[in-house]
Amino acid sequence: MEQTTPDAARIIGLAGIGNIGLPIALNLIDGGFTVVGYRRTPEPEFAAAGGQPVSNAAAIANQTNIAITCLPSVEALQMVISGPDGLLSGAFGAGGILIEMSTLDVEEKAKVAALLRAHGIAMLDCPVAASGAMLRQRKGMVFVSGEPADAEAVGPILDAIIDTHVYVGPFGAGTRTKLVSNLLLAIHSAAAAEAMNFARLLGLDLQTTAEVIGRGSGGSVQWDMRAKRMASGDHDQSIGPISALLEVTRLIESAGEQQQAARPMFNHAHQLLKTAEAEGKTDMDISWIYEVIRKSGG
């Protein structure tokens, strides 16, 4: 049987096949895309699903002009873009689009965007608001920012990754919108934990409380996701670990200081997360902050 060559627009490069990058890759493969992926250490599930592992980012650039990055740090992003074996050392050039899906300092992202722009490459700032497990089920949201035409061009790619992606404005608005979203996530999680502890002190059945409150005006998405976990003490099967939220809350703290923004409720929530970190519980679900409050003696 004669083999067909994949349409170039259906070949997507991906640098960073980790907790978020892997479900991105798997969803793209499920959507009929060919994914050429680079990770410093091999990811067997990626290859088993039909992904095409390569040894460096330059090898991605030699196969496609559309790439996604999902990386843990600014330094990792810089290395993937302009390092010795980075995208720019390969054939990634004019007319290319980089979909940057990490949650990193937006000013540092802007510097990378300027570098790429000098080479005729567009960059979109598109952080993911979802855990890896949620993303694999195409739940959550991607906040898309950059030039509208570039955002429209990658629409089919984002469609394959997640059910909901929303254009929120010029480059950087994506990350800034995620900071607002996660500020609320932290506060709502802390509020749920405080309410569940109050219910405990009042002698209420916690499973009943978790069920009933969720039906009324006092409920929230975080209540629905975490109150029953708080009631049962089931914090280790994480749908969203404390470590992931802390990465974002530290960016929120920095941005809040820069803007001199009042954030009393966020500061309380952030302190609960940092206490959990000091206890060595960052791999636990965010619901663990209930235990932090419970053990505080209140």
C-alpha atoms as a PDB file:
ATOM      1  CA  MET A   1       0.000   0.000   0.000  1.00  0.00           C
ATOM      2  CA  GLU A   2       1.364   3.421  -0.910  1.00  0.00           C
ATOM      3  CA  GLN A   3       2.113   5.613   2.089  1.00  0.00           C
ATOM      4  CA  THR A   4       0.859   9.181   2.093  1.00  0.00           C
ATOM      5  CA  THR A   5       2.830  12.135   3.372  1.00  0.00           C
ATOM      6  CA  PRO A   6       1.027  14.063   6.134  1.00  0.00           C
ATOM      7  CA  ASP A   7      -0.288  17.507   5.193  1.00  0.00           C
ATOM      8  CA  ALA A   8       2.238  20.027   6.547  1.00  0.00           C
ATOM      9  CA  ALA A   9      -0.556  21.854   8.385  1.00  0.00           C
ATOM     10  CA  ARG A  10      -1.343  18.609  10.240  1.00  0.00           C
ATOM     11  CA  ILE A  11       2.207  18.233  11.596  1.00  0.00           C
ATOM     12  CA  ILE A  12       2.627  19.941  14.964  1.00  0.00           C
ATOM     13  CA  GLY A  13       5.840  20.293  16.917  1.00  0.00           C
ATOM     14  CA  LEU A  14       5.697  20.077  20.694  1.00  0.00           C
ATOM     15  CA  ALA A  15       8.479  20.898  23.142  1.00  0.00           C
ATOM     16  CA  GLY A  16       7.680  19.847  26.692  1.00  0.00           C
ATOM     17  CA  ILE A  17       5.829  16.542  27.053  1.00  0.00           C
ATOM     18  CA  GLY A  18       5.119  16.701  30.781  1.00  0.00           C
ATOM     19  CA  ASN A  19       2.031  16.899  32.986  1.00  0.00           C
ATOM     20  CA  ILE A  20       0.278  19.301  30.615  1.00  0.00           C
ATOM     21  CA  GLY A  21       2.252  18.667  27.435  1.00  0.00           C
ATOM     22  CA  LEU A  22       1.457  14.950  27.346  1.00  0.00           C
ATOM     23  CA  PRO A  23      -2.343  15.377  27.297  1.00  0.00           C
ATOM     24  CA  ILE A  24      -1.912  18.126  24.702  1.00  0.00           C
ATOM     25  CA  ALA A  25       0.035  15.670  22.549  1.00  0.00           C
ATOM     26  CA  LEU A  26      -2.428  12.823  23.057  1.00  0.00           C
ATOM     27  CA  ASN A  27      -5.427  15.021  22.252  1.00  0.00           C
ATOM     28  CA  LEU A  28      -3.734  16.247  19.076  1.00  0.00           C
ATOM     29  CA  ILE A  29      -2.975  12.676  18.016  1.00  0.00           C
ATOM     30  CA  ASP A  30      -6.584  11.716  18.732  1.00  0.00           C
ATOM     31  CA  GLY A  31      -7.590  14.665  16.545  1.00  0.00           C
ATOM     32  CA  GLY A  32      -5.650  13.327  13.574  1.00  0.00           C
ATOM     33  CA  PHE A  33      -2.524  15.459  13.873  1.00  0.00           C
ATOM     34  CA  THR A  34       1.013  14.156  13.573  1.00  0.00           C
ATOM     35  CA  VAL A  35       2.919  15.299  16.649  1.00  0.00           C
ATOM     36  CA  VAL A  36       6.702  15.615  16.591  1.00  0.00           C
ATOM     37  CA  GLY A  37       7.775  15.966  20.194  1.00  0.00           C
ATOM     38  CA  TYR A  38      10.857  16.752  22.242  1.00  0.00           C
ATOM     39  CA  ARG A  39      11.385  16.053  25.933  1.00  0.00           C
ATOM     40  CA  ARG A  40      14.714  15.951  27.731  1.00  0.00           C
ATOM     41  CA  THR A  41      13.816  12.522  29.142  1.00  0.00           C
ATOM     42  CA  PRO A  42      11.780  10.095  27.003  1.00  0.00           C
ATOM     43  CA  GLU A  43       8.024   9.843  27.537  1.00  0.00           C
ATOM     44  CA  PRO A  44       7.030   6.243  26.607  1.00  0.00           C
ATOM     45  CA  GLU A  45       3.293   6.986  26.524  1.00  0.00           C
ATOM     46  CA  PHE A  46       3.844   9.629  23.849  1.00  0.00           C
ATOM     47  CA  ALA A  47       5.590   7.210  21.495  1.00  0.00           C
ATOM     48  CA  ALA A  48       3.139   4.406  22.284  1.00  0.00           C
ATOM     49  CA  ALA A  49       0.252   6.673  21.260  1.00  0.00           C
ATOM     50  CA  GLY A  50       1.824   7.355  17.870  1.00  0.00           C
ATOM     51  CA  GLY A  51       3.860  10.456  18.659  1.00  0.00           C
ATOM     52  CA  GLN A  52       7.188  10.950  16.943  1.00  0.00           C
ATOM     53  CA  PRO A  53       9.956  11.642  19.506  1.00  0.00           C
ATOM     54  CA  VAL A  54      12.967  13.685  18.412  1.00  0.00           C
ATOM     55  CA  SER A  55      16.239  14.442  20.164  1.00  0.00           C
ATOM     56  CA  ASN A  56      16.024  18.240  20.275  1.00  0.00           C
ATOM     57  CA  ALA A  57      13.913  21.264  19.346  1.00  0.00           C
ATOM     58  CA  ALA A  58      15.864  21.856  16.133  1.00  0.00           C
ATOM     59  CA  ALA A  59      14.613  18.497  14.876  1.00  0.00           C
ATOM     60  CA  ILE A  60      11.057  19.740  15.436  1.00  0.00           C
ATOM     61  CA  ALA A  61      11.765  22.849  13.369  1.00  0.00           C
ATOM     62  CA  ASN A  62      13.040  20.730  10.490  1.00  0.00           C
ATOM     63  CA  GLN A  63       9.646  19.027  10.168  1.00  0.00           C
ATOM     64  CA  THR A  64       7.088  21.766  10.806  1.00  0.00           C
ATOM     65  CA  ASN A  65       6.624  25.515  11.009  1.00  0.00           C
ATOM     66  CA  ILE A  66       3.929  25.240  13.694  1.00  0.00           C
ATOM     67  CA  ALA A  67       5.100  24.453  17.200  1.00  0.00           C
ATOM     68  CA  ILE A  68       3.759  24.365  20.750  1.00  0.00           C
ATOM     69  CA  THR A  69       5.826  24.903  23.879  1.00  0.00           C
ATOM     70  CA  CYS A  70       4.673  23.792  27.320  1.00  0.00           C
ATOM     71  CA  LEU A  71       7.634  24.203  29.654  1.00  0.00           C
ATOM     72  CA  PRO A  72       8.343  24.576  33.379  1.00  0.00           C
ATOM     73  CA  SER A  73      10.509  27.696  33.361  1.00  0.00           C
ATOM     74  CA  VAL A  74      11.599  30.764  31.421  1.00  0.00           C
ATOM     75  CA  GLU A  75      15.075  29.242  31.155  1.00  0.00           C
ATOM     76  CA  ALA A  76      13.663  26.109  29.529  1.00  0.00           C
ATOM     77  CA  LEU A  77      11.682  28.225  27.060  1.00  0.00           C
ATOM     78  CA  GLN A  78      14.742  30.277  26.149  1.00  0.00           C
ATOM     79  CA  MET A  79      16.789  27.120  25.602  1.00  0.00           C
ATOM     80  CA  VAL A  80      14.122  25.564  23.386  1.00  0.00           C
ATOM     81  CA  ILE A  81      13.876  28.720  21.284  1.00  0.00           C
ATOM     82  CA  SER A  82      17.435  30.023  21.013  1.00  0.00           C
ATOM     83  CA  GLY A  83      19.679  27.396  22.576  1.00  0.00           C
ATOM     84  CA  PRO A  84      22.311  25.467  20.575  1.00  0.00           C
ATOM     85  CA  ASP A  85      19.689  22.928  19.441  1.00  0.00           C
ATOM     86  CA  GLY A  86      16.713  25.262  19.669  1.00  0.00           C
ATOM     87  CA  LEU A  87      13.965  25.936  17.166  1.00  0.00           C
ATOM     88  CA  LEU A  88      15.838  28.881  15.666  1.00  0.00           C
ATOM     89  CA  SER A  89      18.864  26.694  14.941  1.00  0.00           C
ATOM     90  CA  GLY A  90      16.629  24.513  12.758  1.00  0.00           C
ATOM     91  CA  ALA A  91      14.391  25.449   9.872  1.00  0.00           C
ATOM     92  CA  PHE A  92      11.790  27.276  11.984  1.00  0.00           C
ATOM     93  CA  GLY A  93      11.508  30.568  10.165  1.00  0.00           C
ATOM     94  CA  ALA A  94       9.402  33.256   8.535  1.00  0.00           C
ATOM     95  CA  GLY A  95       5.714  32.445   8.529  1.00  0.00           C
ATOM     96  CA  GLY A  96       5.979  30.092  11.486  1.00  0.00           C
ATOM     97  CA  ILE A  97       3.726  30.228  14.530  1.00  0.00           C
ATOM     98  CA  LEU A  98       4.668  29.317  18.082  1.00  0.00           C
ATOM     99  CA  ILE A  99       1.783  28.530  20.451  1.00  0.00           C
ATOM    100  CA  GLU A 100       3.259  29.154  23.902  1.00  0.00           C
ATOM    101  CA  MET A 101       1.105  27.306  26.461  1.00  0.00           C
ATOM    102  CA  SER A 102       3.284  27.517  29.594  1.00  0.00           C
ATOM    103  CA  THR A 103       2.359  29.648  32.594  1.00  0.00           C
ATOM    104  CA  LEU A 104       5.401  31.900  32.951  1.00  0.00           C
ATOM    105  CA  ASP A 105       6.263  35.524  33.672  1.00  0.00           C
ATOM    106  CA  VAL A 106       4.540  37.470  30.913  1.00  0.00           C
ATOM    107  CA  GLU A 107       7.336  40.014  30.506  1.00  0.00           C
ATOM    108  CA  GLU A 108       9.821  37.204  29.896  1.00  0.00           C
ATOM    109  CA  LYS A 109       7.441  35.672  27.374  1.00  0.00           C
ATOM    110  CA  ALA A 110       7.263  39.042  25.612  1.00  0.00           C
ATOM    111  CA  LYS A 111      11.054  39.058  25.212  1.00  0.00           C
ATOM    112  CA  VAL A 112      10.893  35.670  23.504  1.00  0.00           C
ATOM    113  CA  ALA A 113       8.061  36.923  21.292  1.00  0.00           C
ATOM    114  CA  ALA A 114      10.187  39.895  20.223  1.00  0.00           C
ATOM    115  CA  LEU A 115      13.080  37.597  19.334  1.00  0.00           C
ATOM    116  CA  LEU A 116      10.826  35.393  17.231  1.00  0.00           C
ATOM    117  CA  ARG A 117       9.208  38.399  15.575  1.00  0.00           C
ATOM    118  CA  ALA A 118      12.659  39.488  14.369  1.00  0.00           C
ATOM    119  CA  HIS A 119      12.814  36.162  12.509  1.00  0.00           C
ATOM    120  CA  GLY A 120       9.327  36.585  11.025  1.00  0.00           C
ATOM    121  CA  ILE A 121       7.753  34.112  13.454  1.00  0.00           C
ATOM    122  CA  ALA A 122       4.511  34.846  15.280  1.00  0.00           C
ATOM    123  CA  MET A 123       4.039  33.859  18.898  1.00  0.00           C
ATOM    124  CA  LEU A 124       0.783  33.431  20.776  1.00  0.00           C
ATOM    125  CA  ASP A 125       0.475  33.480  24.555  1.00  0.00           C
ATOM    126  CA  CYS A 126      -1.992  30.674  25.335  1.00  0.00           C
ATOM    127  CA  PRO A 127      -1.771  29.361  28.912  1.00  0.00           C
ATOM    128  CA  VAL A 128      -3.887  26.384  29.924  1.00  0.00           C
ATOM    129  CA  ALA A 129      -6.331  26.638  32.812  1.00  0.00           C
ATOM    130  CA  ALA A 130      -6.715  22.934  33.603  1.00  0.00           C
ATOM    131  CA  SER A 131      -4.995  20.060  35.321  1.00  0.00           C
ATOM    132  CA  GLY A 132      -3.465  17.346  33.166  1.00  0.00           C
ATOM    133  CA  ALA A 133      -6.338  14.981  33.963  1.00  0.00           C
ATOM    134  CA  MET A 134      -8.912  17.617  33.060  1.00  0.00           C
ATOM    135  CA  LEU A 135      -7.102  18.493  29.856  1.00  0.00           C
ATOM    136  CA  ARG A 136      -6.985  14.850  28.735  1.00  0.00           C
ATOM    137  CA  GLN A 137     -10.790  14.964  28.923  1.00  0.00           C
ATOM    138  CA  ARG A 138     -10.695  18.260  26.973  1.00  0.00           C
ATOM    139  CA  LYS A 139     -12.044  20.143  30.011  1.00  0.00           C
ATOM    140  CA  GLY A 140     -10.841  23.506  31.251  1.00  0.00           C
ATOM    141  CA  MET A 141      -9.916  26.483  29.113  1.00  0.00           C
ATOM    142  CA  VAL A 142      -7.112  28.004  27.075  1.00  0.00           C
ATOM    143  CA  PHE A 143      -6.751  31.796  27.188  1.00  0.00           C
ATOM    144  CA  VAL A 144      -5.545  32.849  23.739  1.00  0.00           C
ATOM    145  CA  SER A 145      -3.731  36.153  23.189  1.00  0.00           C
ATOM    146  CA  GLY A 146      -1.738  37.691  20.375  1.00  0.00           C
ATOM    147  CA  GLU A 147      -2.527  38.834  16.869  1.00  0.00           C
ATOM    148  CA  PRO A 148      -6.156  37.912  16.014  1.00  0.00           C
ATOM    149  CA  ALA A 149      -5.203  36.485  12.603  1.00  0.00           C
ATOM    150  CA  ASP A 150      -2.631  34.183  14.195  1.00  0.00           C
ATOM    151  CA  ALA A 151      -5.158  33.073  16.797  1.00  0.00           C
ATOM    152  CA  GLU A 152      -7.658  32.283  14.057  1.00  0.00           C
ATOM    153  CA  ALA A 153      -5.042  30.341  12.099  1.00  0.00           C
ATOM    154  CA  VAL A 154      -4.364  27.947  14.981  1.00  0.00           C
ATOM    155  CA  GLY A 155      -8.036  27.494  15.838  1.00  0.00           C
ATOM    156  CA  PRO A 156      -8.233  23.934  14.465  1.00  0.00           C
ATOM    157  CA  ILE A 157      -5.183  22.958  16.533  1.00  0.00           C
ATOM    158  CA  LEU A 158      -6.706  24.342  19.720  1.00  0.00           C
ATOM    159  CA  ASP A 159     -10.011  22.674  18.832  1.00  0.00           C
ATOM    160  CA  ALA A 160      -8.212  19.329  18.939  1.00  0.00           C
ATOM    161  CA  ILE A 161      -6.599  20.099  22.291  1.00  0.00           C
ATOM    162  CA  ILE A 162      -9.544  21.403  24.326  1.00  0.00           C
ATOM    163  CA  ASP A 163     -13.254  22.108  24.036  1.00  0.00           C
ATOM    164  CA  THR A 164     -13.012  25.738  25.177  1.00  0.00           C
ATOM    165  CA  HIS A 165     -10.444  28.247  24.002  1.00  0.00           C
ATOM    166  CA  VAL A 166     -11.183  31.958  24.124  1.00  0.00           C
ATOM    167  CA  TYR A 167      -9.408  34.906  22.511  1.00  0.00           C
ATOM    168  CA  VAL A 168      -8.848  37.471  25.274  1.00  0.00           C
ATOM    169  CA  GLY A 169      -6.763  40.194  23.608  1.00  0.00           C
ATOM    170  CA  PRO A 170      -3.228  41.283  22.659  1.00  0.00           C
ATOM    171  CA  PHE A 171      -0.154  39.258  23.541  1.00  0.00           C
ATOM    172  CA  GLY A 172       0.128  38.772  27.295  1.00  0.00           C
ATOM    173  CA  ALA A 173      -3.592  39.042  27.996  1.00  0.00           C
ATOM    174  CA  GLY A 174      -3.738  35.248  28.099  1.00  0.00           C
ATOM    175  CA  THR A 175      -1.316  34.939  31.004  1.00  0.00           C
ATOM    176  CA  ARG A 176      -2.803  37.928  32.810  1.00  0.00           C
ATOM    177  CA  THR A 177      -6.296  36.440  32.486  1.00  0.00           C
ATOM    178  CA  LYS A 178      -5.037  33.174  33.918  1.00  0.00           C
ATOM    179  CA  LEU A 179      -3.608  35.056  36.902  1.00  0.00           C
ATOM    180  CA  VAL A 180      -7.049  36.523  37.597  1.00  0.00           C
ATOM    181  CA  SER A 181      -8.641  33.092  37.181  1.00  0.00           C
ATOM    182  CA  ASN A 182      -6.196  31.418  39.554  1.00  0.00           C
ATOM    183  CA  LEU A 183      -6.480  34.215  42.107  1.00  0.00           C
ATOM    184  CA  LEU A 184     -10.167  33.287  42.311  1.00  0.00           C
ATOM    185  CA  LEU A 185      -9.366  29.568  42.300  1.00  0.00           C
ATOM    186  CA  ALA A 186      -7.101  30.000  45.332  1.00  0.00           C
ATOM    187  CA  ILE A 187      -9.629  32.154  47.198  1.00  0.00           C
ATOM    188  CA  HIS A 188     -12.572  29.867  46.423  1.00  0.00           C
ATOM    189  CA  SER A 189     -10.578  26.805  47.511  1.00  0.00           C
ATOM    190  CA  ALA A 190      -9.616  28.490  50.777  1.00  0.00           C
ATOM    191  CA  ALA A 191     -13.224  29.595  51.329  1.00  0.00           C
ATOM    192  CA  ALA A 192     -14.445  26.032  50.790  1.00  0.00           C
ATOM    193  CA  ALA A 193     -11.856  24.706  53.251  1.00  0.00           C
ATOM    194  CA  GLU A 194     -12.791  27.311  55.854  1.00  0.00           C
ATOM    195  CA  ALA A 195     -16.498  26.560  55.458  1.00  0.00           C
ATOM    196  CA  MET A 196     -15.954  22.817  55.779  1.00  0.00           C
ATOM    197  CA  ASN A 197     -13.928  23.345  58.941  1.00  0.00           C
ATOM    198  CA  PHE A 198     -16.718  25.545  60.332  1.00  0.00           C
ATOM    199  CA  ALA A 199     -19.215  22.774  59.527  1.00  0.00           C
ATOM    200  CA  ARG A 200     -17.006  20.284  61.388  1.00  0.00           C
ATOM    201  CA  LEU A 201     -16.907  22.498  64.478  1.00  0.00           C
ATOM    202  CA  LEU A 202     -20.690  22.861  64.339  1.00  0.00           C
ATOM    203  CA  GLY A 203     -20.992  19.074  64.454  1.00  0.00           C
ATOM    204  CA  LEU A 204     -22.495  18.707  60.983  1.00  0.00           C
ATOM    205  CA  ASP A 205     -22.109  15.614  58.842  1.00  0.00           C
ATOM    206  CA  LEU A 206     -19.475  16.722  56.358  1.00  0.00           C
ATOM    207  CA  GLN A 207     -20.586  14.570  53.427  1.00  0.00           C
ATOM    208  CA  THR A 208     -24.122  15.919  53.775  1.00  0.00           C
ATOM    209  CA  THR A 209     -22.795  19.457  54.044  1.00  0.00           C
ATOM    210  CA  ALA A 210     -20.683  19.000  50.924  1.00  0.00           C
ATOM    211  CA  GLU A 211     -23.718  17.769  48.994  1.00  0.00           C
ATOM    212  CA  VAL A 212     -26.283  20.299  50.229  1.00  0.00           C
ATOM    213  CA  ILE A 213     -24.194  23.474  50.037  1.00  0.00           C
ATOM    214  CA  GLY A 214     -23.248  22.656  46.468  1.00  0.00           C
ATOM    215  CA  ARG A 215     -26.900  22.871  45.456  1.00  0.00           C
ATOM    216  CA  GLY A 216     -27.377  26.396  46.745  1.00  0.00           C
ATOM    217  CA  SER A 217     -26.113  29.917  46.238  1.00  0.00           C
ATOM    218  CA  GLY A 218     -23.103  29.307  48.477  1.00  0.00           C
ATOM    219  CA  GLY A 219     -21.655  26.677  46.170  1.00  0.00           C
ATOM    220  CA  SER A 220     -18.874  27.138  43.634  1.00  0.00           C
ATOM    221  CA  VAL A 221     -16.875  25.146  41.110  1.00  0.00           C
ATOM    222  CA  GLN A 222     -14.155  24.628  43.701  1.00  0.00           C
ATOM    223  CA  TRP A 223     -16.729  23.537  46.280  1.00  0.00           C
ATOM    224  CA  ASP A 224     -18.082  20.950  43.840  1.00  0.00           C
ATOM    225  CA  MET A 225     -14.566  19.731  43.038  1.00  0.00           C
ATOM    226  CA  ARG A 226     -13.172  19.626  46.571  1.00  0.00           C
ATOM    227  CA  ALA A 227     -15.706  19.695  49.421  1.00  0.00           C
ATOM    228  CA  LYS A 228     -16.343  15.940  49.296  1.00  0.00           C
ATOM    229  CA  ARG A 229     -12.584  15.338  49.281  1.00  0.00           C
ATOM    230  CA  MET A 230     -12.281  17.508  52.364  1.00  0.00           C
ATOM    231  CA  ALA A 231     -15.085  15.536  54.010  1.00  0.00           C
ATOM    232  CA  SER A 232     -13.524  12.149  53.259  1.00  0.00           C
ATOM    233  CA  GLY A 233      -9.856  13.092  53.641  1.00  0.00           C
ATOM    234  CA  ASP A 234      -9.168  11.861  50.103  1.00  0.00           C
ATOM    235  CA  HIS A 235      -6.447  14.319  49.156  1.00  0.00           C
ATOM    236  CA  ASP A 236      -3.849  12.077  47.532  1.00  0.00           C
ATOM    237  CA  GLN A 237      -5.729  11.300  44.290  1.00  0.00           C
ATOM    238  CA  SER A 238      -5.050  14.772  42.982  1.00  0.00           C
ATOM    239  CA  ILE A 239      -7.132  16.497  40.344  1.00  0.00           C
ATOM    240  CA  GLY A 240      -4.986  19.595  40.848  1.00  0.00           C
ATOM    241  CA  PRO A 241      -1.886  19.477  43.059  1.00  0.00           C
ATOM    242  CA  ILE A 242      -0.841  22.252  45.398  1.00  0.00           C
ATOM    243  CA  SER A 243       2.501  22.471  43.561  1.00  0.00           C
ATOM    244  CA  ALA A 244       0.819  23.511  40.305  1.00  0.00           C
ATOM    245  CA  LEU A 245      -1.285  26.204  41.964  1.00  0.00           C
ATOM    246  CA  LEU A 246       1.713  27.550  43.886  1.00  0.00           C
ATOM    247  CA  GLU A 247       3.569  28.108  40.616  1.00  0.00           C
ATOM    248  CA  VAL A 248       0.798  30.466  39.544  1.00  0.00           C
ATOM    249  CA  THR A 249       0.109  32.083  42.915  1.00  0.00           C
ATOM    250  CA  ARG A 250       3.744  33.170  43.076  1.00  0.00           C
ATOM    251  CA  LEU A 251       3.271  34.922  39.727  1.00  0.00           C
ATOM    252  CA  ILE A 252       0.083  36.494  41.105  1.00  0.00           C
ATOM    253  CA  GLU A 253       1.966  37.671  44.200  1.00  0.00           C
ATOM    254  CA  SER A 254       4.674  39.260  42.040  1.00  0.00           C
ATOM    255  CA  ALA A 255       2.180  40.938  39.699  1.00  0.00           C
ATOM    256  CA  GLY A 256       0.120  42.130  42.651  1.00  0.00           C
ATOM    257  CA  GLU A 257       3.161  43.759  44.221  1.00  0.00           C
ATOM    258  CA  GLN A 258       4.049  45.449  40.936  1.00  0.00           C
ATOM    259  CA  GLN A 259       0.513  46.819  40.573  1.00  0.00           C
ATOM    260  CA  GLN A 260       0.175  47.598  44.301  1.00  0.00           C
ATOM    261  CA  ALA A 261      -3.107  45.698  44.205  1.00  0.00           C
ATOM    262  CA  ALA A 262      -5.032  45.090  47.417  1.00  0.00           C
ATOM    263  CA  ARG A 263      -5.438  41.307  47.786  1.00  0.00           C
ATOM    264  CA  PRO A 264      -6.301  40.444  51.411  1.00  0.00           C
ATOM    265  CA  MET A 265      -8.255  37.277  50.614  1.00  0.00           C
ATOM    266  CA  PHE A 266      -5.654  36.053  48.163  1.00  0.00           C
ATOM    267  CA  ASN A 267      -2.881  36.610  50.702  1.00  0.00           C
ATOM    268  CA  HIS A 268      -4.687  34.379  53.196  1.00  0.00           C
ATOM    269  CA  ALA A 269      -5.216  31.661  50.588  1.00  0.00           C
ATOM    270  CA  HIS A 270      -1.614  31.892  49.431  1.00  0.00           C
ATOM    271  CA  GLN A 271      -0.377  31.514  53.006  1.00  0.00           C
ATOM    272  CA  LEU A 272      -2.398  28.298  53.392  1.00  0.00           C
ATOM    273  CA  LEU A 273      -0.740  26.930  50.260  1.00  0.00           C
ATOM    274  CA  LYS A 274       2.716  27.909  51.511  1.00  0.00           C
ATOM    275  CA  THR A 275       2.001  26.224  54.858  1.00  0.00           C
ATOM    276  CA  ALA A 276       1.086  23.048  52.983  1.00  0.00           C
ATOM    277  CA  GLU A 277       4.358  23.389  51.090  1.00  0.00           C
ATOM    278  CA  ALA A 278       6.293  23.698  54.340  1.00  0.00           C
ATOM    279  CA  GLU A 279       4.595  20.479  55.485  1.00  0.00           C
ATOM    280  CA  GLY A 280       5.848  18.688  52.366  1.00  0.00           C
ATOM    281  CA  LYS A 281       2.342  18.239  50.944  1.00  0.00           C
ATOM    282  CA  THR A 282       2.682  19.883  47.540  1.00  0.00           C
ATOM    283  CA  ASP A 283       1.842  16.654  45.738  1.00  0.00           C
ATOM    284  CA  MET A 284      -1.551  16.563  47.470  1.00  0.00           C
ATOM    285  CA  ASP A 285      -4.718  17.939  45.955  1.00  0.00           C
ATOM    286  CA  ILE A 286      -5.540  21.572  46.754  1.00  0.00           C
ATOM    287  CA  SER A 287      -8.227  20.199  49.081  1.00  0.00           C
ATOM    288  CA  TRP A 288      -5.393  19.538  51.571  1.00  0.00           C
ATOM    289  CA  ILE A 289      -5.625  23.153  52.710  1.00  0.00           C
ATOM    290  CA  TYR A 290      -8.668  22.019  54.707  1.00  0.00           C
ATOM    291  CA  GLU A 291      -6.240  19.971  56.808  1.00  0.00           C
ATOM    292  CA  VAL A 292      -4.035  23.036  57.254  1.00  0.00           C
ATOM    293  CA  ILE A 293      -6.986  24.964  58.675  1.00  0.00           C
ATOM    294  CA  ARG A 294      -8.216  22.019  60.766  1.00  0.00           C
ATOM    295  CA  LYS A 295      -4.806  21.492  62.333  1.00  0.00           C
ATOM    296  CA  SER A 296      -4.424  25.198  63.113  1.00  0.00           C
ATOM    297  CA  GLY A 297      -6.745  24.657  66.071  1.00  0.00           C
ATOM    298  CA  GLY A 298      -9.662  26.635  64.701  1.00  0.00           C
END
